[in-house]
């Protein structure tokens, strides 16, 4: 179930609203490493569908961890957090 929801989340796209002026630590500038100022009332959209396929949050397949795009339910046997915690 976890693996199916990882690849095909129930809510593939979501929006949140900034309740106060704040700063995100990165995402700005030409290379995305600079802070980004967010004004109160700004809608922020994000995609869990895309987020679960980002190569930078998964170990490299050369380490023995399954590829991010492959359906492998066993990845949850060794990946933290455990589904019962």
PDB file of N, CA and C in Angstrom:
ATOM      1  N   UNK A   1       0.824  -1.182   0.000  1.00  0.00           N
ATOM      2  CA  UNK A   1       0.000   0.000   0.000  1.00  0.00           C
ATOM      3  C   UNK A   1       0.879   1.261   0.000  1.00  0.00           C
ATOM      4  N   UNK A   2       1.930   1.290   0.847  1.00  0.00           N
ATOM      5  CA  UNK A   2       2.807   2.467   0.910  1.00  0.00           C
ATOM      6  C   UNK A   2       3.464   2.742  -0.430  1.00  0.00           C
ATOM      7  N   UNK A   3       3.892   1.694  -1.103  1.00  0.00           N
ATOM      8  CA  UNK A   3       4.581   1.877  -2.381  1.00  0.00           C
ATOM      9  C   UNK A   3       3.632   2.388  -3.447  1.00  0.00           C
ATOM     10  N   UNK A   4       2.409   1.884  -3.472  1.00  0.00           N
ATOM     11  CA  UNK A   4       1.418   2.365  -4.438  1.00  0.00           C
ATOM     12  C   UNK A   4       1.105   3.842  -4.182  1.00  0.00           C
ATOM     13  N   UNK A   5       0.971   4.221  -2.902  1.00  0.00           N
ATOM     14  CA  UNK A   5       0.677   5.619  -2.575  1.00  0.00           C
ATOM     15  C   UNK A   5       1.883   6.522  -2.805  1.00  0.00           C
ATOM     16  N   UNK A   6       3.097   5.968  -2.712  1.00  0.00           N
ATOM     17  CA  UNK A   6       4.288   6.760  -3.003  1.00  0.00           C
ATOM     18  C   UNK A   6       4.302   7.166  -4.473  1.00  0.00           C
ATOM     19  N   UNK A   7       4.010   6.221  -5.345  1.00  0.00           N
ATOM     20  CA  UNK A   7       4.035   6.503  -6.781  1.00  0.00           C
ATOM     21  C   UNK A   7       2.764   7.196  -7.280  1.00  0.00           C
ATOM     22  N   UNK A   8       1.636   6.906  -6.646  1.00  0.00           N
ATOM     23  CA  UNK A   8       0.356   7.472  -7.081  1.00  0.00           C
ATOM     24  C   UNK A   8      -0.407   8.008  -5.863  1.00  0.00           C
ATOM     25  N   UNK A   9       0.033   9.160  -5.326  1.00  0.00           N
ATOM     26  CA  UNK A   9      -0.605   9.700  -4.120  1.00  0.00           C
ATOM     27  C   UNK A   9      -2.066  10.079  -4.361  1.00  0.00           C
ATOM     28  N   UNK A  10      -2.843   9.987  -3.291  1.00  0.00           N
ATOM     29  CA  UNK A  10      -4.267  10.317  -3.368  1.00  0.00           C
ATOM     30  C   UNK A  10      -4.461  11.781  -3.742  1.00  0.00           C
ATOM     31  N   UNK A  11      -3.630  12.651  -3.184  1.00  0.00           N
ATOM     32  CA  UNK A  11      -3.677  14.082  -3.504  1.00  0.00           C
ATOM     33  C   UNK A  11      -2.395  14.411  -4.272  1.00  0.00           C
ATOM     34  N   UNK A  12      -2.416  14.357  -5.607  1.00  0.00           N
ATOM     35  CA  UNK A  12      -1.190  14.569  -6.374  1.00  0.00           C
ATOM     36  C   UNK A  12      -0.709  16.015  -6.420  1.00  0.00           C
ATOM     37  N   UNK A  13      -1.603  16.956  -6.105  1.00  0.00           N
ATOM     38  CA  UNK A  13      -1.249  18.376  -6.122  1.00  0.00           C
ATOM     39  C   UNK A  13      -1.990  19.058  -4.988  1.00  0.00           C
ATOM     40  N   UNK A  14      -1.313  19.950  -4.274  1.00  0.00           N
ATOM     41  CA  UNK A  14      -1.934  20.627  -3.150  1.00  0.00           C
ATOM     42  C   UNK A  14      -1.469  22.083  -3.107  1.00  0.00           C
ATOM     43  N   UNK A  15      -2.237  22.918  -2.425  1.00  0.00           N
ATOM     44  CA  UNK A  15      -1.908  24.340  -2.273  1.00  0.00           C
ATOM     45  C   UNK A  15      -2.064  24.715  -0.801  1.00  0.00           C
ATOM     46  N   UNK A  16      -1.114  25.469  -0.311  1.00  0.00           N
ATOM     47  CA  UNK A  16      -1.169  26.021   1.044  1.00  0.00           C
ATOM     48  C   UNK A  16      -1.071  27.539   0.934  1.00  0.00           C
ATOM     49  N   UNK A  17      -1.585  28.237   1.946  1.00  0.00           N
ATOM     50  CA  UNK A  17      -1.566  29.691   1.961  1.00  0.00           C
ATOM     51  C   UNK A  17      -0.653  30.161   3.082  1.00  0.00           C
ATOM     52  N   UNK A  18       0.218  31.105   2.780  1.00  0.00           N
ATOM     53  CA  UNK A  18       1.103  31.675   3.791  1.00  0.00           C
ATOM     54  C   UNK A  18       0.283  32.527   4.757  1.00  0.00           C
ATOM     55  N   UNK A  19       0.387  32.226   6.062  1.00  0.00           N
ATOM     56  CA  UNK A  19      -0.376  32.962   7.076  1.00  0.00           C
ATOM     57  C   UNK A  19       0.344  34.215   7.552  1.00  0.00           C
ATOM     58  N   UNK A  20       1.643  34.293   7.268  1.00  0.00           N
ATOM     59  CA  UNK A  20       2.423  35.480   7.630  1.00  0.00           C
ATOM     60  C   UNK A  20       3.609  35.594   6.674  1.00  0.00           C
ATOM     61  N   UNK A  21       4.223  36.765   6.642  1.00  0.00           N
ATOM     62  CA  UNK A  21       5.429  36.936   5.830  1.00  0.00           C
ATOM     63  C   UNK A  21       6.502  35.977   6.344  1.00  0.00           C
ATOM     64  N   UNK A  22       7.171  35.303   5.440  1.00  0.00           N
ATOM     65  CA  UNK A  22       8.203  34.352   5.858  1.00  0.00           C
ATOM     66  C   UNK A  22       9.232  34.192   4.736  1.00  0.00           C
ATOM     67  N   UNK A  23      10.220  33.376   4.993  1.00  0.00           N
ATOM     68  CA  UNK A  23      11.274  33.119   4.016  1.00  0.00           C
ATOM     69  C   UNK A  23      11.506  31.617   3.905  1.00  0.00           C
ATOM     70  N   UNK A  24      11.498  31.114   2.694  1.00  0.00           N
ATOM     71  CA  UNK A  24      11.890  29.724   2.456  1.00  0.00           C
ATOM     72  C   UNK A  24      13.403  29.709   2.300  1.00  0.00           C
ATOM     73  N   UNK A  25      14.093  28.719   2.872  1.00  0.00           N
ATOM     74  CA  UNK A  25      15.555  28.748   2.900  1.00  0.00           C
ATOM     75  C   UNK A  25      16.229  28.615   1.539  1.00  0.00           C
ATOM     76  N   UNK A  26      15.571  28.030   0.571  1.00  0.00           N
ATOM     77  CA  UNK A  26      16.174  27.911  -0.760  1.00  0.00           C
ATOM     78  C   UNK A  26      15.079  27.824  -1.808  1.00  0.00           C
ATOM     79  N   UNK A  27      15.501  27.945  -3.054  1.00  0.00           N
ATOM     80  CA  UNK A  27      14.553  27.916  -4.164  1.00  0.00           C
ATOM     81  C   UNK A  27      14.648  29.148  -5.042  1.00  0.00           C
ATOM     82  N   UNK A  28      15.355  30.167  -4.582  1.00  0.00           N
ATOM     83  CA  UNK A  28      15.491  31.391  -5.361  1.00  0.00           C
ATOM     84  C   UNK A  28      16.846  31.506  -6.017  1.00  0.00           C
ATOM     85  N   UNK A  29      17.011  32.530  -6.804  1.00  0.00           N
ATOM     86  CA  UNK A  29      18.278  32.748  -7.510  1.00  0.00           C
ATOM     87  C   UNK A  29      18.398  31.851  -8.729  1.00  0.00           C
ATOM     88  N   UNK A  30      19.425  32.080  -9.541  1.00  0.00           N
ATOM     89  CA  UNK A  30      19.585  31.316 -10.781  1.00  0.00           C
ATOM     90  C   UNK A  30      19.779  29.818 -10.557  1.00  0.00           C
ATOM     91  N   UNK A  31      20.411  29.456  -9.435  1.00  0.00           N
ATOM     92  CA  UNK A  31      20.671  28.028  -9.203  1.00  0.00           C
ATOM     93  C   UNK A  31      19.751  27.419  -8.145  1.00  0.00           C
ATOM     94  N   UNK A  32      18.796  28.173  -7.610  1.00  0.00           N
ATOM     95  CA  UNK A  32      17.847  27.663  -6.638  1.00  0.00           C
ATOM     96  C   UNK A  32      18.376  27.527  -5.222  1.00  0.00           C
ATOM     97  N   UNK A  33      19.536  28.089  -4.943  1.00  0.00           N
ATOM     98  CA  UNK A  33      20.124  27.948  -3.609  1.00  0.00           C
ATOM     99  C   UNK A  33      19.887  29.155  -2.697  1.00  0.00           C
ATOM    100  N   UNK A  34      19.301  30.197  -3.214  1.00  0.00           N
ATOM    101  CA  UNK A  34      19.071  31.421  -2.434  1.00  0.00           C
ATOM    102  C   UNK A  34      17.701  31.360  -1.741  1.00  0.00           C
ATOM    103  N   UNK A  35      17.530  32.123  -0.653  1.00  0.00           N
ATOM    104  CA  UNK A  35      16.225  32.175   0.020  1.00  0.00           C
ATOM    105  C   UNK A  35      15.164  32.823  -0.870  1.00  0.00           C
ATOM    106  N   UNK A  36      13.906  32.516  -0.556  1.00  0.00           N
ATOM    107  CA  UNK A  36      12.776  33.094  -1.280  1.00  0.00           C
ATOM    108  C   UNK A  36      11.850  33.738  -0.259  1.00  0.00           C
ATOM    109  N   UNK A  37      11.539  35.011  -0.449  1.00  0.00           N
ATOM    110  CA  UNK A  37      10.603  35.711   0.427  1.00  0.00           C
ATOM    111  C   UNK A  37       9.176  35.394   0.016  1.00  0.00           C
ATOM    112  N   UNK A  38       8.345  35.075   0.997  1.00  0.00           N
ATOM    113  CA  UNK A  38       6.935  34.759   0.752  1.00  0.00           C
ATOM    114  C   UNK A  38       6.087  35.742   1.553  1.00  0.00           C
ATOM    115  N   UNK A  39       5.222  36.472   0.878  1.00  0.00           N
ATOM    116  CA  UNK A  39       4.352  37.444   1.540  1.00  0.00           C
ATOM    117  C   UNK A  39       3.103  36.767   2.085  1.00  0.00           C
ATOM    118  N   UNK A  40       2.559  37.324   3.151  1.00  0.00           N
ATOM    119  CA  UNK A  40       1.323  36.818   3.746  1.00  0.00           C
ATOM    120  C   UNK A  40       0.233  36.743   2.679  1.00  0.00           C
ATOM    121  N   UNK A  41      -0.489  35.636   2.668  1.00  0.00           N
ATOM    122  CA  UNK A  41      -1.581  35.457   1.712  1.00  0.00           C
ATOM    123  C   UNK A  41      -1.166  34.861   0.378  1.00  0.00           C
ATOM    124  N   UNK A  42       0.112  34.550   0.215  1.00  0.00           N
ATOM    125  CA  UNK A  42       0.584  33.975  -1.046  1.00  0.00           C
ATOM    126  C   UNK A  42       0.246  32.483  -1.109  1.00  0.00           C
ATOM    127  N   UNK A  43      -0.438  32.031  -2.165  1.00  0.00           N
ATOM    128  CA  UNK A  43      -0.678  30.593  -2.296  1.00  0.00           C
ATOM    129  C   UNK A  43       0.598  29.885  -2.768  1.00  0.00           C
ATOM    130  N   UNK A  44       0.908  28.761  -2.140  1.00  0.00           N
ATOM    131  CA  UNK A  44       2.083  27.964  -2.493  1.00  0.00           C
ATOM    132  C   UNK A  44       1.604  26.595  -2.943  1.00  0.00           C
ATOM    133  N   UNK A  45       1.857  26.255  -4.180  1.00  0.00           N
ATOM    134  CA  UNK A  45       1.452  24.954  -4.709  1.00  0.00           C
ATOM    135  C   UNK A  45       2.620  23.983  -4.721  1.00  0.00           C
ATOM    136  N   UNK A  46       2.320  22.722  -4.496  1.00  0.00           N
ATOM    137  CA  UNK A  46       3.347  21.683  -4.577  1.00  0.00           C
ATOM    138  C   UNK A  46       2.709  20.384  -5.061  1.00  0.00           C
ATOM    139  N   UNK A  47       3.514  19.566  -5.664  1.00  0.00           N
ATOM    140  CA  UNK A  47       3.033  18.301  -6.212  1.00  0.00           C
ATOM    141  C   UNK A  47       3.692  17.130  -5.499  1.00  0.00           C
ATOM    142  N   UNK A  48       2.897  16.353  -4.765  1.00  0.00           N
ATOM    143  CA  UNK A  48       3.434  15.154  -4.130  1.00  0.00           C
ATOM    144  C   UNK A  48       3.746  14.091  -5.183  1.00  0.00           C
ATOM    145  N   UNK A  49       3.052  14.112  -6.291  1.00  0.00           N
ATOM    146  CA  UNK A  49       3.316  13.177  -7.373  1.00  0.00           C
ATOM    147  C   UNK A  49       4.735  13.364  -7.903  1.00  0.00           C
ATOM    148  N   UNK A  50       5.131  14.612  -8.120  1.00  0.00           N
ATOM    149  CA  UNK A  50       6.481  14.911  -8.605  1.00  0.00           C
ATOM    150  C   UNK A  50       7.508  14.726  -7.490  1.00  0.00           C
ATOM    151  N   UNK A  51       7.149  15.154  -6.282  1.00  0.00           N
ATOM    152  CA  UNK A  51       8.072  15.085  -5.154  1.00  0.00           C
ATOM    153  C   UNK A  51       8.537  13.646  -4.891  1.00  0.00           C
ATOM    154  N   UNK A  52       7.651  12.674  -5.040  1.00  0.00           N
ATOM    155  CA  UNK A  52       8.010  11.277  -4.777  1.00  0.00           C
ATOM    156  C   UNK A  52       8.867  10.671  -5.884  1.00  0.00           C
ATOM    157  N   UNK A  53       9.126  11.422  -6.934  1.00  0.00           N
ATOM    158  CA  UNK A  53       9.972  10.945  -8.029  1.00  0.00           C
ATOM    159  C   UNK A  53      11.265  11.746  -8.165  1.00  0.00           C
ATOM    160  N   UNK A  54      11.577  12.578  -7.177  1.00  0.00           N
ATOM    161  CA  UNK A  54      12.798  13.394  -7.214  1.00  0.00           C
ATOM    162  C   UNK A  54      14.016  12.530  -6.914  1.00  0.00           C
ATOM    163  N   UNK A  55      14.954  12.522  -7.819  1.00  0.00           N
ATOM    164  CA  UNK A  55      16.155  11.693  -7.661  1.00  0.00           C
ATOM    165  C   UNK A  55      17.008  12.129  -6.476  1.00  0.00           C
ATOM    166  N   UNK A  56      16.970  13.421  -6.110  1.00  0.00           N
ATOM    167  CA  UNK A  56      17.837  13.909  -5.038  1.00  0.00           C
ATOM    168  C   UNK A  56      17.399  13.481  -3.635  1.00  0.00           C
ATOM    169  N   UNK A  57      16.218  12.898  -3.468  1.00  0.00           N
ATOM    170  CA  UNK A  57      15.809  12.461  -2.132  1.00  0.00           C
ATOM    171  C   UNK A  57      15.913  10.944  -1.948  1.00  0.00           C
ATOM    172  N   UNK A  58      16.373  10.250  -2.975  1.00  0.00           N
ATOM    173  CA  UNK A  58      16.540   8.800  -2.892  1.00  0.00           C
ATOM    174  C   UNK A  58      18.011   8.423  -3.008  1.00  0.00           C
ATOM    175  N   UNK A  59      18.420   7.340  -2.330  1.00  0.00           N
ATOM    176  CA  UNK A  59      19.788   6.854  -2.519  1.00  0.00           C
ATOM    177  C   UNK A  59      20.001   6.428  -3.968  1.00  0.00           C
ATOM    178  N   UNK A  60      21.214   6.510  -4.434  1.00  0.00           N
ATOM    179  CA  UNK A  60      21.547   6.108  -5.793  1.00  0.00           C
ATOM    180  C   UNK A  60      21.306   4.605  -5.967  1.00  0.00           C
ATOM    181  N   UNK A  61      20.745   4.179  -7.109  1.00  0.00           N
ATOM    182  CA  UNK A  61      20.528   2.746  -7.334  1.00  0.00           C
ATOM    183  C   UNK A  61      21.807   1.906  -7.234  1.00  0.00           C
ATOM    184  N   UNK A  62      22.980   2.523  -7.436  1.00  0.00           N
ATOM    185  CA  UNK A  62      24.231   1.767  -7.320  1.00  0.00           C
ATOM    186  C   UNK A  62      24.485   1.307  -5.876  1.00  0.00           C
ATOM    187  N   UNK A  63      23.775   1.894  -4.894  1.00  0.00           N
ATOM    188  CA  UNK A  63      23.924   1.475  -3.498  1.00  0.00           C
ATOM    189  C   UNK A  63      23.084   0.248  -3.178  1.00  0.00           C
ATOM    190  N   UNK A  64      22.299  -0.207  -4.144  1.00  0.00           N
ATOM    191  CA  UNK A  64      21.418  -1.346  -3.920  1.00  0.00           C
ATOM    192  C   UNK A  64      19.985  -0.934  -3.630  1.00  0.00           C
ATOM    193  N   UNK A  65      19.744   0.369  -3.456  1.00  0.00           N
ATOM    194  CA  UNK A  65      18.388   0.858  -3.222  1.00  0.00           C
ATOM    195  C   UNK A  65      17.649   0.863  -4.556  1.00  0.00           C
ATOM    196  N   UNK A  66      16.387   0.428  -4.582  1.00  0.00           N
ATOM    197  CA  UNK A  66      15.649   0.377  -5.856  1.00  0.00           C
ATOM    198  C   UNK A  66      15.513   1.753  -6.506  1.00  0.00           C
ATOM    199  N   UNK A  67      15.434   1.767  -7.817  1.00  0.00           N
ATOM    200  CA  UNK A  67      15.243   3.002  -8.574  1.00  0.00           C
ATOM    201  C   UNK A  67      13.952   3.681  -8.139  1.00  0.00           C
ATOM    202  N   UNK A  68      13.948   4.992  -8.110  1.00  0.00           N
ATOM    203  CA  UNK A  68      12.808   5.776  -7.641  1.00  0.00           C
ATOM    204  C   UNK A  68      11.542   5.571  -8.466  1.00  0.00           C
ATOM    205  N   UNK A  69      11.682   5.230  -9.743  1.00  0.00           N
ATOM    206  CA  UNK A  69      10.531   5.069 -10.625  1.00  0.00           C
ATOM    207  C   UNK A  69      10.002   3.634 -10.678  1.00  0.00           C
ATOM    208  N   UNK A  70      10.663   2.724  -9.991  1.00  0.00           N
ATOM    209  CA  UNK A  70      10.289   1.322 -10.026  1.00  0.00           C
ATOM    210  C   UNK A  70       9.379   0.979  -8.856  1.00  0.00           C
ATOM    211  N   UNK A  71       8.342   0.185  -9.129  1.00  0.00           N
ATOM    212  CA  UNK A  71       7.428  -0.274  -8.082  1.00  0.00           C
ATOM    213  C   UNK A  71       8.084  -1.437  -7.341  1.00  0.00           C
ATOM    214  N   UNK A  72       8.552  -1.168  -6.119  1.00  0.00           N
ATOM    215  CA  UNK A  72       9.232  -2.180  -5.297  1.00  0.00           C
ATOM    216  C   UNK A  72       8.703  -2.061  -3.864  1.00  0.00           C
ATOM    217  N   UNK A  73       7.639  -2.789  -3.517  1.00  0.00           N
ATOM    218  CA  UNK A  73       7.086  -2.691  -2.164  1.00  0.00           C
ATOM    219  C   UNK A  73       8.081  -3.051  -1.064  1.00  0.00           C
ATOM    220  N   UNK A  74       9.075  -3.861  -1.371  1.00  0.00           N
ATOM    221  CA  UNK A  74      10.054  -4.274  -0.366  1.00  0.00           C
ATOM    222  C   UNK A  74      10.946  -3.129   0.105  1.00  0.00           C
ATOM    223  N   UNK A  75      10.979  -2.017  -0.618  1.00  0.00           N
ATOM    224  CA  UNK A  75      11.804  -0.880  -0.197  1.00  0.00           C
ATOM    225  C   UNK A  75      11.393  -0.407   1.194  1.00  0.00           C
ATOM    226  N   UNK A  76      10.148  -0.626   1.579  1.00  0.00           N
ATOM    227  CA  UNK A  76       9.650  -0.178   2.876  1.00  0.00           C
ATOM    228  C   UNK A  76      10.123  -1.077   4.017  1.00  0.00           C
ATOM    229  N   UNK A  77      10.695  -2.244   3.695  1.00  0.00           N
ATOM    230  CA  UNK A  77      11.229  -3.124   4.741  1.00  0.00           C
ATOM    231  C   UNK A  77      12.463  -2.539   5.407  1.00  0.00           C
ATOM    232  N   UNK A  78      13.242  -1.755   4.654  1.00  0.00           N
ATOM    233  CA  UNK A  78      14.481  -1.208   5.199  1.00  0.00           C
ATOM    234  C   UNK A  78      14.489   0.318   5.261  1.00  0.00           C
ATOM    235  N   UNK A  79      13.507   0.963   4.679  1.00  0.00           N
ATOM    236  CA  UNK A  79      13.465   2.418   4.615  1.00  0.00           C
ATOM    237  C   UNK A  79      12.799   2.974   5.871  1.00  0.00           C
ATOM    238  N   UNK A  80      13.379   4.012   6.441  1.00  0.00           N
ATOM    239  CA  UNK A  80      12.812   4.657   7.626  1.00  0.00           C
ATOM    240  C   UNK A  80      11.936   5.824   7.179  1.00  0.00           C
ATOM    241  N   UNK A  81      10.850   6.190   7.849  1.00  0.00           N
ATOM    242  CA  UNK A  81      10.336   5.513   9.030  1.00  0.00           C
ATOM    243  C   UNK A  81       9.591   4.236   8.656  1.00  0.00           C
ATOM    244  N   UNK A  82       9.594   3.294   9.558  1.00  0.00           N
ATOM    245  CA  UNK A  82       8.833   2.076   9.344  1.00  0.00           C
ATOM    246  C   UNK A  82       7.349   2.429   9.291  1.00  0.00           C
ATOM    247  N   UNK A  83       6.586   1.656   8.561  1.00  0.00           N
ATOM    248  CA  UNK A  83       5.180   1.969   8.398  1.00  0.00           C
ATOM    249  C   UNK A  83       4.382   1.827   9.695  1.00  0.00           C
ATOM    250  N   UNK A  84       4.904   1.154  10.700  1.00  0.00           N
ATOM    251  CA  UNK A  84       4.170   1.023  11.958  1.00  0.00           C
ATOM    252  C   UNK A  84       4.556   2.082  12.986  1.00  0.00           C
ATOM    253  N   UNK A  85       5.521   2.977  12.659  1.00  0.00           N
ATOM    254  CA  UNK A  85       5.895   4.007  13.629  1.00  0.00           C
ATOM    255  C   UNK A  85       5.200   5.316  13.355  1.00  0.00           C
TER     256      UNK A  85
END
